[in-house]
């Protein structure tokens, strides 16, 4: 398979997955076994496996291996967070999404024609969309206290009114 054909398959599969068509993405990525050396492919394949087949344990291993290979790629954190959501681990998903938002993309391993800045912006938008869908609230001003504690409630309102949050 030619290099341009491989990157085209990956690009189309990722676009389909980000659009919500995980079945099409799964089929495309599985029918190209030579692409399994690319961490981004494994990350997206893991998400598809978890969503379409319920192979959560294998998906978690694949995604975590991709993060070990490319710790700066927010796509891996996006997919790992999605897998955590599918498995019902909302707190882990939030932590993973926040880690992904803090990552900056380097040019290494880029399988598409996007610049690193465009890729980072796209992944951050996808992570934020996932977090909005979950209904994530902002961090409490005093994380060591319960969210319902009067200090958190009062300071949260004050910070919001002053536009610091």
N, C-alpha and C. Protein backbone atom coordinates (compact mmCIF):
# COMPACT_ATOMS: atom_id res chain seq x y z
N UNK A 1 0.84 -1.18 0.00
CA UNK A 1 0.00 0.00 0.00
C UNK A 1 0.89 1.24 0.00
N UNK A 2 0.62 2.19 -0.84
CA UNK A 2 1.41 3.40 -0.95
C UNK A 2 1.22 4.27 0.28
N UNK A 3 2.24 5.08 0.55
CA UNK A 3 2.21 5.95 1.73
C UNK A 3 1.03 6.92 1.68
N UNK A 4 0.78 7.52 0.51
CA UNK A 4 -0.32 8.48 0.40
C UNK A 4 -1.66 7.79 0.58
N UNK A 5 -1.79 6.55 0.11
CA UNK A 5 -3.03 5.80 0.28
C UNK A 5 -3.27 5.50 1.75
N UNK A 6 -2.21 5.12 2.46
CA UNK A 6 -2.33 4.83 3.89
C UNK A 6 -2.78 6.06 4.66
N UNK A 7 -2.13 7.19 4.41
CA UNK A 7 -2.50 8.39 5.16
C UNK A 7 -3.91 8.84 4.78
N UNK A 8 -4.33 8.59 3.55
CA UNK A 8 -5.69 8.93 3.13
C UNK A 8 -6.71 8.05 3.86
N UNK A 9 -6.41 6.77 4.00
CA UNK A 9 -7.30 5.85 4.73
C UNK A 9 -7.43 6.31 6.18
N UNK A 10 -6.30 6.63 6.80
CA UNK A 10 -6.31 7.08 8.20
C UNK A 10 -7.11 8.37 8.33
N UNK A 11 -6.87 9.31 7.44
CA UNK A 11 -7.57 10.60 7.51
C UNK A 11 -9.07 10.40 7.38
N UNK A 12 -9.51 9.61 6.41
CA UNK A 12 -10.94 9.37 6.21
C UNK A 12 -11.55 8.66 7.41
N UNK A 13 -10.82 7.69 7.97
CA UNK A 13 -11.33 6.95 9.12
C UNK A 13 -11.48 7.89 10.33
N UNK A 14 -10.50 8.75 10.56
CA UNK A 14 -10.55 9.67 11.70
C UNK A 14 -11.69 10.67 11.53
N UNK A 15 -11.87 11.17 10.33
CA UNK A 15 -12.98 12.09 10.07
C UNK A 15 -14.31 11.41 10.34
N UNK A 16 -14.44 10.15 9.90
CA UNK A 16 -15.69 9.40 10.14
C UNK A 16 -15.93 9.18 11.63
N UNK A 17 -14.87 8.83 12.36
CA UNK A 17 -14.99 8.58 13.80
C UNK A 17 -15.36 9.87 14.53
N UNK A 18 -14.69 10.96 14.21
CA UNK A 18 -14.98 12.23 14.87
C UNK A 18 -16.39 12.73 14.54
N UNK A 19 -16.92 12.31 13.42
CA UNK A 19 -18.28 12.64 13.01
C UNK A 19 -19.30 11.75 13.73
N UNK A 20 -18.82 10.68 14.36
CA UNK A 20 -19.71 9.79 15.10
C UNK A 20 -19.93 8.45 14.43
N UNK A 21 -19.34 8.23 13.27
CA UNK A 21 -19.51 6.98 12.53
C UNK A 21 -18.37 6.02 12.89
N UNK A 22 -18.44 5.46 14.09
CA UNK A 22 -17.36 4.59 14.56
C UNK A 22 -17.32 3.26 13.84
N UNK A 23 -18.45 2.80 13.34
CA UNK A 23 -18.45 1.53 12.61
C UNK A 23 -17.64 1.65 11.32
N UNK A 24 -17.85 2.71 10.57
CA UNK A 24 -17.09 2.92 9.34
C UNK A 24 -15.61 3.07 9.65
N UNK A 25 -15.29 3.81 10.71
CA UNK A 25 -13.89 3.97 11.11
C UNK A 25 -13.26 2.66 11.52
N UNK A 26 -13.99 1.85 12.25
CA UNK A 26 -13.49 0.54 12.67
C UNK A 26 -13.18 -0.34 11.47
N UNK A 27 -14.09 -0.38 10.52
CA UNK A 27 -13.89 -1.20 9.32
C UNK A 27 -12.66 -0.72 8.55
N UNK A 28 -12.54 0.58 8.36
CA UNK A 28 -11.41 1.13 7.61
C UNK A 28 -10.08 0.84 8.29
N UNK A 29 -10.02 1.02 9.61
CA UNK A 29 -8.76 0.82 10.32
C UNK A 29 -8.41 -0.66 10.46
N UNK A 30 -9.40 -1.52 10.58
CA UNK A 30 -9.11 -2.95 10.70
C UNK A 30 -8.66 -3.56 9.38
N UNK A 31 -9.10 -3.01 8.28
CA UNK A 31 -8.74 -3.57 6.98
C UNK A 31 -7.39 -3.06 6.48
N UNK A 32 -6.68 -2.36 7.31
CA UNK A 32 -5.34 -1.89 6.97
C UNK A 32 -4.38 -2.26 8.10
N UNK A 33 -4.03 -3.56 8.22
CA UNK A 33 -3.20 -3.99 9.35
C UNK A 33 -1.79 -3.40 9.34
N UNK A 34 -1.32 -2.93 8.19
CA UNK A 34 0.02 -2.32 8.14
C UNK A 34 0.06 -0.99 8.88
N UNK A 35 -1.10 -0.41 9.14
CA UNK A 35 -1.17 0.89 9.82
C UNK A 35 -1.10 0.77 11.34
N UNK A 36 -1.12 -0.45 11.85
CA UNK A 36 -1.18 -0.65 13.30
C UNK A 36 0.09 -0.20 14.03
N UNK A 37 1.12 0.17 13.30
CA UNK A 37 2.34 0.67 13.96
C UNK A 37 2.22 2.15 14.29
N UNK A 38 1.19 2.80 13.78
CA UNK A 38 0.99 4.23 14.02
C UNK A 38 0.14 4.40 15.28
N UNK A 39 0.66 5.10 16.30
CA UNK A 39 -0.08 5.26 17.56
C UNK A 39 -1.48 5.87 17.39
N UNK A 40 -1.62 6.84 16.50
CA UNK A 40 -2.93 7.49 16.30
C UNK A 40 -3.94 6.46 15.80
N UNK A 41 -3.51 5.58 14.92
CA UNK A 41 -4.39 4.54 14.40
C UNK A 41 -4.84 3.63 15.54
N UNK A 42 -3.90 3.24 16.39
CA UNK A 42 -4.26 2.37 17.53
C UNK A 42 -5.22 3.06 18.48
N UNK A 43 -5.01 4.34 18.70
CA UNK A 43 -5.86 5.10 19.60
C UNK A 43 -7.31 5.14 19.08
N UNK A 44 -7.47 5.50 17.83
CA UNK A 44 -8.82 5.56 17.25
C UNK A 44 -9.43 4.17 17.11
N UNK A 45 -8.61 3.20 16.78
CA UNK A 45 -9.10 1.82 16.69
C UNK A 45 -9.59 1.35 18.05
N UNK A 46 -8.88 1.72 19.10
CA UNK A 46 -9.28 1.34 20.46
C UNK A 46 -10.66 1.90 20.80
N UNK A 47 -10.87 3.16 20.49
CA UNK A 47 -12.18 3.77 20.76
C UNK A 47 -13.28 3.05 19.99
N UNK A 48 -13.03 2.76 18.73
CA UNK A 48 -14.03 2.05 17.91
C UNK A 48 -14.32 0.66 18.46
N UNK A 49 -13.26 -0.04 18.89
CA UNK A 49 -13.44 -1.39 19.44
C UNK A 49 -14.31 -1.33 20.70
N UNK A 50 -14.06 -0.35 21.52
CA UNK A 50 -14.82 -0.21 22.76
C UNK A 50 -16.29 0.11 22.47
N UNK A 51 -16.51 1.05 21.56
CA UNK A 51 -17.87 1.49 21.29
C UNK A 51 -18.68 0.45 20.51
N UNK A 52 -18.09 -0.12 19.48
CA UNK A 52 -18.83 -1.01 18.59
C UNK A 52 -18.88 -2.46 19.08
N UNK A 53 -17.82 -2.92 19.71
CA UNK A 53 -17.75 -4.33 20.08
C UNK A 53 -17.78 -4.59 21.58
N UNK A 54 -17.60 -3.54 22.37
CA UNK A 54 -17.58 -3.74 23.81
C UNK A 54 -16.29 -4.36 24.32
N UNK A 55 -15.22 -4.28 23.55
CA UNK A 55 -13.92 -4.82 23.95
C UNK A 55 -13.15 -3.75 24.73
N UNK A 56 -13.65 -3.47 25.91
CA UNK A 56 -13.13 -2.34 26.69
C UNK A 56 -11.71 -2.57 27.20
N UNK A 57 -11.44 -3.75 27.72
CA UNK A 57 -10.12 -4.02 28.29
C UNK A 57 -9.02 -3.88 27.23
N UNK A 58 -9.25 -4.49 26.06
CA UNK A 58 -8.28 -4.41 24.97
C UNK A 58 -8.13 -2.97 24.49
N UNK A 59 -9.25 -2.26 24.45
CA UNK A 59 -9.24 -0.87 24.01
C UNK A 59 -8.41 0.00 24.96
N UNK A 60 -8.59 -0.20 26.25
CA UNK A 60 -7.82 0.57 27.22
C UNK A 60 -6.33 0.31 27.06
N UNK A 61 -5.95 -0.96 26.85
CA UNK A 61 -4.53 -1.30 26.67
C UNK A 61 -3.97 -0.63 25.42
N UNK A 62 -4.71 -0.68 24.33
CA UNK A 62 -4.25 -0.07 23.08
C UNK A 62 -4.06 1.43 23.23
N UNK A 63 -5.03 2.07 23.85
CA UNK A 63 -4.99 3.53 24.00
C UNK A 63 -3.86 3.94 24.95
N UNK A 64 -3.67 3.22 26.02
CA UNK A 64 -2.60 3.54 26.97
C UNK A 64 -1.23 3.33 26.32
N UNK A 65 -1.11 2.31 25.46
CA UNK A 65 0.15 2.09 24.74
C UNK A 65 0.41 3.24 23.77
N UNK A 66 -0.63 3.75 23.14
CA UNK A 66 -0.48 4.89 22.23
C UNK A 66 -0.02 6.13 23.01
N UNK A 67 -0.55 6.32 24.21
CA UNK A 67 -0.14 7.46 25.04
C UNK A 67 1.32 7.33 25.44
N UNK A 68 1.77 6.11 25.73
CA UNK A 68 3.18 5.91 26.08
C UNK A 68 4.09 6.25 24.91
N UNK A 69 3.64 5.95 23.69
CA UNK A 69 4.45 6.24 22.51
C UNK A 69 4.42 7.71 22.14
N UNK A 70 3.28 8.35 22.27
CA UNK A 70 3.13 9.77 21.94
C UNK A 70 2.40 10.50 23.07
N UNK A 71 3.08 10.81 24.16
CA UNK A 71 2.40 11.43 25.30
C UNK A 71 1.89 12.84 25.04
N UNK A 72 2.35 13.50 23.99
CA UNK A 72 1.93 14.87 23.73
C UNK A 72 0.74 14.97 22.78
N UNK A 73 0.24 13.87 22.28
CA UNK A 73 -0.84 13.90 21.30
C UNK A 73 -2.20 13.89 22.01
N UNK A 74 -2.96 14.99 21.92
CA UNK A 74 -4.25 15.06 22.62
C UNK A 74 -5.30 14.09 22.06
N UNK A 75 -5.11 13.58 20.85
CA UNK A 75 -6.06 12.62 20.28
C UNK A 75 -6.14 11.37 21.13
N UNK A 76 -5.00 10.95 21.68
CA UNK A 76 -4.99 9.74 22.52
C UNK A 76 -5.81 9.96 23.80
N UNK A 77 -5.69 11.14 24.37
CA UNK A 77 -6.43 11.46 25.60
C UNK A 77 -7.93 11.60 25.30
N UNK A 78 -8.25 12.14 24.14
CA UNK A 78 -9.64 12.22 23.71
C UNK A 78 -10.24 10.83 23.62
N UNK A 79 -9.54 9.92 22.95
CA UNK A 79 -10.07 8.57 22.78
C UNK A 79 -10.10 7.78 24.08
N UNK A 80 -9.08 7.94 24.91
CA UNK A 80 -9.07 7.26 26.21
C UNK A 80 -10.22 7.77 27.08
N UNK A 81 -10.44 9.08 27.07
CA UNK A 81 -11.55 9.65 27.83
C UNK A 81 -12.89 9.12 27.33
N UNK A 82 -13.02 9.00 26.02
CA UNK A 82 -14.26 8.44 25.45
C UNK A 82 -14.47 7.00 25.90
N UNK A 83 -13.38 6.24 25.95
CA UNK A 83 -13.49 4.84 26.40
C UNK A 83 -13.91 4.80 27.86
N UNK A 84 -13.32 5.68 28.68
CA UNK A 84 -13.73 5.74 30.09
C UNK A 84 -15.21 6.09 30.22
N UNK A 85 -15.70 6.98 29.38
CA UNK A 85 -17.13 7.32 29.43
C UNK A 85 -17.98 6.11 29.07
N UNK A 86 -17.57 5.37 28.06
CA UNK A 86 -18.33 4.19 27.65
C UNK A 86 -18.38 3.17 28.78
N UNK A 87 -17.28 3.03 29.53
CA UNK A 87 -17.22 2.06 30.61
C UNK A 87 -17.80 2.58 31.92
N UNK A 88 -18.25 3.84 31.93
CA UNK A 88 -18.91 4.39 33.12
C UNK A 88 -17.97 5.00 34.14
N UNK A 89 -16.72 5.25 33.77
CA UNK A 89 -15.76 5.86 34.69
C UNK A 89 -15.65 7.36 34.40
N UNK A 90 -16.65 8.11 34.83
CA UNK A 90 -16.74 9.53 34.51
C UNK A 90 -15.59 10.33 35.11
N UNK A 91 -15.20 10.04 36.34
CA UNK A 91 -14.12 10.79 36.98
C UNK A 91 -12.80 10.60 36.23
N UNK A 92 -12.52 9.37 35.82
CA UNK A 92 -11.30 9.11 35.04
C UNK A 92 -11.37 9.81 33.69
N UNK A 93 -12.56 9.85 33.11
CA UNK A 93 -12.73 10.51 31.81
C UNK A 93 -12.43 12.00 31.94
N UNK A 94 -12.93 12.62 32.98
CA UNK A 94 -12.70 14.06 33.20
C UNK A 94 -11.20 14.33 33.36
N UNK A 95 -10.54 13.52 34.17
CA UNK A 95 -9.10 13.69 34.39
C UNK A 95 -8.34 13.52 33.08
N UNK A 96 -8.72 12.54 32.30
CA UNK A 96 -8.06 12.27 31.02
C UNK A 96 -8.29 13.41 30.04
N UNK A 97 -9.53 13.90 29.96
CA UNK A 97 -9.83 15.01 29.07
C UNK A 97 -9.03 16.25 29.46
N UNK A 98 -8.93 16.52 30.75
CA UNK A 98 -8.17 17.69 31.20
C UNK A 98 -6.69 17.54 30.87
N UNK A 99 -6.17 16.31 30.97
CA UNK A 99 -4.78 16.07 30.58
C UNK A 99 -4.60 16.34 29.09
N UNK A 100 -5.57 15.93 28.30
CA UNK A 100 -5.50 16.15 26.85
C UNK A 100 -5.54 17.61 26.48
N UNK A 101 -6.30 18.40 27.23
CA UNK A 101 -6.36 19.83 26.96
C UNK A 101 -5.04 20.53 27.25
N UNK A 102 -4.25 19.96 28.16
CA UNK A 102 -2.98 20.57 28.54
C UNK A 102 -1.84 20.21 27.59
N UNK A 103 -2.06 19.27 26.68
CA UNK A 103 -0.99 18.80 25.78
C UNK A 103 -0.87 19.69 24.56
N UNK A 104 0.37 19.85 24.09
CA UNK A 104 0.64 20.60 22.86
C UNK A 104 1.14 19.62 21.82
N UNK A 105 0.57 19.69 20.63
CA UNK A 105 0.92 18.77 19.55
C UNK A 105 2.25 19.16 18.94
N UNK A 106 3.07 18.14 18.72
CA UNK A 106 4.29 18.37 17.95
C UNK A 106 4.03 17.88 16.53
N UNK A 107 4.90 18.15 15.61
CA UNK A 107 4.71 17.74 14.22
C UNK A 107 4.95 16.27 14.00
N UNK A 108 5.51 15.55 14.97
CA UNK A 108 5.84 14.15 14.81
C UNK A 108 4.59 13.30 14.73
N UNK A 109 4.59 12.32 13.85
CA UNK A 109 3.50 11.36 13.77
C UNK A 109 2.23 11.92 13.18
N UNK A 110 2.29 13.06 12.55
CA UNK A 110 1.12 13.67 11.95
C UNK A 110 0.78 12.94 10.67
N UNK A 111 -0.38 12.28 10.62
CA UNK A 111 -0.76 11.49 9.45
C UNK A 111 -1.67 12.26 8.51
N UNK A 112 -1.91 13.52 8.79
CA UNK A 112 -2.80 14.31 7.93
C UNK A 112 -2.07 15.54 7.43
N UNK A 113 -2.74 16.30 6.60
CA UNK A 113 -2.15 17.51 6.04
C UNK A 113 -2.29 18.70 6.98
N UNK A 114 -2.91 18.52 8.14
CA UNK A 114 -3.10 19.62 9.09
C UNK A 114 -1.79 20.02 9.72
N UNK A 115 -1.69 21.29 10.05
CA UNK A 115 -0.54 21.75 10.82
C UNK A 115 -0.76 21.33 12.27
N UNK A 116 0.32 21.26 13.07
CA UNK A 116 0.15 20.89 14.48
C UNK A 116 -0.83 21.81 15.22
N UNK A 117 -0.82 23.10 14.90
CA UNK A 117 -1.73 24.03 15.58
C UNK A 117 -3.18 23.74 15.23
N UNK A 118 -3.45 23.45 13.96
CA UNK A 118 -4.81 23.11 13.54
C UNK A 118 -5.27 21.81 14.19
N UNK A 119 -4.37 20.82 14.24
CA UNK A 119 -4.70 19.55 14.85
C UNK A 119 -5.01 19.72 16.33
N UNK A 120 -4.19 20.53 17.02
CA UNK A 120 -4.42 20.76 18.44
C UNK A 120 -5.75 21.46 18.67
N UNK A 121 -6.05 22.45 17.86
CA UNK A 121 -7.32 23.17 18.01
C UNK A 121 -8.50 22.25 17.78
N UNK A 122 -8.40 21.37 16.78
CA UNK A 122 -9.49 20.44 16.48
C UNK A 122 -9.70 19.46 17.63
N UNK A 123 -8.59 18.91 18.16
CA UNK A 123 -8.72 17.96 19.26
C UNK A 123 -9.23 18.63 20.53
N UNK A 124 -8.77 19.85 20.79
CA UNK A 124 -9.26 20.56 21.97
C UNK A 124 -10.75 20.85 21.84
N UNK A 125 -11.20 21.19 20.65
CA UNK A 125 -12.63 21.42 20.44
C UNK A 125 -13.43 20.14 20.67
N UNK A 126 -12.90 19.01 20.21
CA UNK A 126 -13.58 17.73 20.41
C UNK A 126 -13.62 17.35 21.89
N UNK A 127 -12.51 17.60 22.60
CA UNK A 127 -12.48 17.30 24.03
C UNK A 127 -13.47 18.18 24.78
N UNK A 128 -13.49 19.47 24.46
CA UNK A 128 -14.43 20.37 25.12
C UNK A 128 -15.88 19.99 24.81
N UNK A 129 -16.14 19.53 23.59
CA UNK A 129 -17.49 19.09 23.24
C UNK A 129 -17.89 17.87 24.07
N UNK A 130 -16.96 16.94 24.25
CA UNK A 130 -17.24 15.76 25.09
C UNK A 130 -17.52 16.18 26.53
N UNK A 131 -16.73 17.13 27.02
CA UNK A 131 -16.92 17.58 28.40
C UNK A 131 -18.25 18.32 28.56
N UNK A 132 -18.63 19.11 27.56
CA UNK A 132 -19.93 19.79 27.63
C UNK A 132 -21.07 18.78 27.62
N UNK A 133 -20.92 17.75 26.81
CA UNK A 133 -21.95 16.70 26.75
C UNK A 133 -22.12 16.02 28.10
N UNK A 134 -21.00 15.92 28.83
CA UNK A 134 -21.04 15.29 30.15
C UNK A 134 -21.64 16.22 31.19
N UNK A 135 -21.62 17.52 30.93
CA UNK A 135 -22.12 18.48 31.89
C UNK A 135 -21.09 18.80 32.97
N UNK A 136 -19.86 18.90 32.57
CA UNK A 136 -18.78 19.17 33.53
C UNK A 136 -18.85 20.60 34.03
N UNK A 137 -18.77 20.71 35.33
CA UNK A 137 -18.73 22.03 35.93
C UNK A 137 -17.27 22.42 36.15
N UNK A 138 -17.05 23.69 36.39
CA UNK A 138 -15.70 24.16 36.66
C UNK A 138 -15.23 23.63 38.00
N UNK A 139 -13.92 23.62 38.17
CA UNK A 139 -13.36 23.14 39.43
C UNK A 139 -13.82 24.03 40.58
N UNK A 140 -13.99 23.42 41.73
CA UNK A 140 -14.36 24.18 42.93
C UNK A 140 -13.18 25.05 43.35
N UNK A 141 -13.43 26.25 43.86
CA UNK A 141 -12.32 27.12 44.30
C UNK A 141 -11.45 26.46 45.36
N UNK A 142 -12.06 25.66 46.21
CA UNK A 142 -11.33 24.93 47.25
C UNK A 142 -11.57 23.43 47.03
N UNK A 143 -10.74 22.78 46.22
CA UNK A 143 -10.99 21.38 45.86
C UNK A 143 -10.96 20.41 47.03
N UNK A 144 -10.29 20.79 48.13
CA UNK A 144 -10.23 19.89 49.28
C UNK A 144 -11.56 19.85 50.05
N UNK A 145 -12.42 20.85 49.82
CA UNK A 145 -13.73 20.89 50.47
C UNK A 145 -14.78 20.35 49.51
N UNK A 146 -15.88 19.83 50.03
CA UNK A 146 -16.95 19.36 49.14
C UNK A 146 -17.53 20.52 48.33
N UNK A 147 -18.03 20.22 47.17
CA UNK A 147 -18.59 21.23 46.28
C UNK A 147 -19.73 22.00 46.97
N UNK A 148 -20.46 21.34 47.85
CA UNK A 148 -21.60 21.97 48.51
C UNK A 148 -21.20 22.83 49.72
N UNK A 149 -19.92 22.84 50.07
CA UNK A 149 -19.46 23.64 51.21
C UNK A 149 -19.71 25.13 50.93
N UNK A 150 -20.15 25.87 51.96
CA UNK A 150 -20.46 27.30 51.77
C UNK A 150 -19.30 28.12 51.17
N UNK A 151 -18.06 27.82 51.55
CA UNK A 151 -16.93 28.56 50.98
C UNK A 151 -16.86 28.36 49.46
N UNK A 152 -17.01 27.13 49.02
CA UNK A 152 -16.98 26.86 47.58
C UNK A 152 -18.13 27.55 46.86
N UNK A 153 -19.28 27.51 47.46
CA UNK A 153 -20.45 28.11 46.81
C UNK A 153 -20.31 29.62 46.70
N UNK A 154 -19.92 30.28 47.81
CA UNK A 154 -19.81 31.73 47.82
C UNK A 154 -18.66 32.19 46.91
N UNK A 155 -17.48 31.59 47.07
CA UNK A 155 -16.33 32.01 46.26
C UNK A 155 -16.55 31.70 44.79
N UNK A 156 -17.22 30.61 44.49
CA UNK A 156 -17.53 30.28 43.09
C UNK A 156 -18.40 31.34 42.46
N UNK A 157 -19.41 31.78 43.18
CA UNK A 157 -20.30 32.83 42.66
C UNK A 157 -19.55 34.15 42.49
N UNK A 158 -18.73 34.50 43.48
CA UNK A 158 -17.95 35.75 43.41
C UNK A 158 -16.99 35.71 42.22
N UNK A 159 -16.27 34.61 42.06
CA UNK A 159 -15.33 34.50 40.93
C UNK A 159 -16.05 34.55 39.59
N UNK A 160 -17.21 33.98 39.52
CA UNK A 160 -17.99 34.03 38.27
C UNK A 160 -18.45 35.44 37.98
N UNK A 161 -18.92 36.14 38.99
CA UNK A 161 -19.37 37.53 38.78
C UNK A 161 -18.23 38.45 38.39
N UNK A 162 -17.05 38.19 38.93
CA UNK A 162 -15.88 39.01 38.60
C UNK A 162 -15.23 38.55 37.29
N UNK A 163 -15.79 37.54 36.67
CA UNK A 163 -15.31 36.99 35.38
C UNK A 163 -13.91 36.39 35.49
N UNK A 164 -13.60 35.81 36.64
CA UNK A 164 -12.33 35.08 36.79
C UNK A 164 -12.49 33.61 36.47
N UNK A 165 -13.74 33.18 36.22
CA UNK A 165 -13.98 31.77 35.87
C UNK A 165 -14.84 31.72 34.66
